[in-house]
Protein backbone atom coordinates (compact mmCIF):
# COMPACT_ATOMS: atom_id res chain seq x y z
CA UNK A 1 7.29 -25.71 6.51
CA UNK A 2 8.76 -22.29 5.67
CA UNK A 3 5.83 -19.89 5.39
CA UNK A 4 6.67 -16.74 3.41
CA UNK A 5 4.42 -13.72 3.44
CA UNK A 6 3.38 -12.16 0.18
CA UNK A 7 5.05 -8.74 -0.27
CA UNK A 8 1.71 -7.23 -1.28
CA UNK A 9 0.08 -8.49 1.93
CA UNK A 10 2.94 -7.17 4.08
CA UNK A 11 2.67 -3.75 2.41
CA UNK A 12 -1.12 -3.50 2.72
CA UNK A 13 -1.20 -4.86 6.26
CA UNK A 14 1.43 -2.36 7.44
CA UNK A 15 -0.55 0.50 5.92
CA UNK A 16 -3.73 -0.84 7.55
CA UNK A 17 -2.22 -1.35 11.02
CA UNK A 18 -0.48 2.05 11.04
CA UNK A 19 -3.66 3.81 9.76
CA UNK A 20 -1.48 5.43 7.10
CA UNK A 21 -3.33 7.76 4.71
CA UNK A 22 -2.97 6.49 1.14
CA UNK A 23 -3.72 7.58 -2.40
CA UNK A 24 -4.96 4.76 -4.62
CA UNK A 25 -4.74 5.37 -8.35
CA UNK A 26 -6.97 3.23 -10.54
CA UNK A 27 -6.06 2.02 -14.03
CA UNK A 28 -8.56 4.53 -15.48
CA UNK A 29 -6.71 7.43 -13.80
CA UNK A 30 -9.09 8.07 -10.90
CA UNK A 31 -7.42 8.93 -7.59
CA UNK A 32 -8.99 7.74 -4.33
CA UNK A 33 -7.79 8.95 -0.93
CA UNK A 34 -8.32 7.38 2.48
CA UNK A 35 -7.08 4.66 4.81
CA UNK A 36 -7.03 0.92 4.17
CA UNK A 37 -9.71 -0.65 6.32
CA UNK A 38 -9.25 -4.24 5.16
CA UNK A 39 -8.15 -6.33 2.19
CA UNK A 40 -8.23 -9.86 0.85
CA UNK A 41 -7.06 -11.69 -2.24
CA UNK A 42 -9.35 -9.72 -4.56
CA UNK A 43 -10.39 -6.45 -2.88
CA UNK A 44 -9.23 -3.50 -0.80
CA UNK A 45 -11.67 -1.65 1.46
CA UNK A 46 -10.80 2.05 1.61
CA UNK A 47 -12.30 4.34 4.27
CA UNK A 48 -12.47 7.92 3.03
CA UNK A 49 -12.22 11.13 5.02
CA UNK A 50 -16.03 11.19 5.18
CA UNK A 51 -15.92 7.70 6.83
CA UNK A 52 -17.59 6.12 3.77
CA UNK A 53 -16.07 2.75 2.85
CA UNK A 54 -15.40 1.86 -0.79
CA UNK A 55 -14.71 -1.65 -2.06
CA UNK A 56 -12.04 -1.56 -4.76
CA UNK A 57 -11.16 -4.61 -6.84
CA UNK A 58 -7.40 -5.11 -6.93
CA UNK A 59 -7.37 -5.65 -10.69
CA UNK A 60 -8.56 -2.03 -11.05
CA UNK A 61 -5.66 -0.63 -8.95
CA UNK A 62 -2.61 0.79 -10.67
CA UNK A 63 -0.70 2.32 -7.74
CA UNK A 64 -0.96 2.69 -3.95
CA UNK A 65 1.04 5.60 -2.52
CA UNK A 66 1.41 6.13 1.23
CA UNK A 67 1.04 9.77 2.30
CA UNK A 68 3.97 9.38 4.69
CA UNK A 69 7.23 8.42 2.97
CA UNK A 70 8.96 5.34 4.28
CA UNK A 71 5.80 3.53 5.41
CA UNK A 72 4.26 0.34 4.18
CA UNK A 73 7.29 -1.90 4.09
CA UNK A 74 8.66 -4.44 6.50
CA UNK A 75 10.84 -3.05 9.29
CA UNK A 76 14.32 -2.17 8.12
CA UNK A 77 17.32 -3.94 9.60
CA UNK A 78 19.47 -0.85 9.17
CA UNK A 79 20.45 1.77 6.62
CA UNK A 80 20.41 0.77 2.99
CA UNK A 81 23.61 0.85 0.96
CA UNK A 82 23.81 3.67 -1.62
CA UNK A 83 22.39 2.96 -5.06
CA UNK A 84 24.70 2.96 -8.05
CA UNK A 85 23.56 4.23 -11.41
CA UNK A 86 24.99 3.39 -14.81
CA UNK A 87 26.58 6.84 -15.07
CA UNK A 88 28.91 6.10 -12.12
């Protein structure tokens, strides 16, 4: 059986394992900052700078932004080809 990993799980797990600082924006506009401690199908546990852990329901999350660019994705197999825009 070919077992594919969910892109969301790969992204969150990479951020968790690398202890990458993240900003989590909620649908109501609130910004939370910390590191992803754990996650499951419904929740993300975020550890703040004060070491307090917050449980955030995924349905309340709008955006997760890593503080370090280029983190959170699966390892790259090489440089990406240049993007083409409609104006080219």
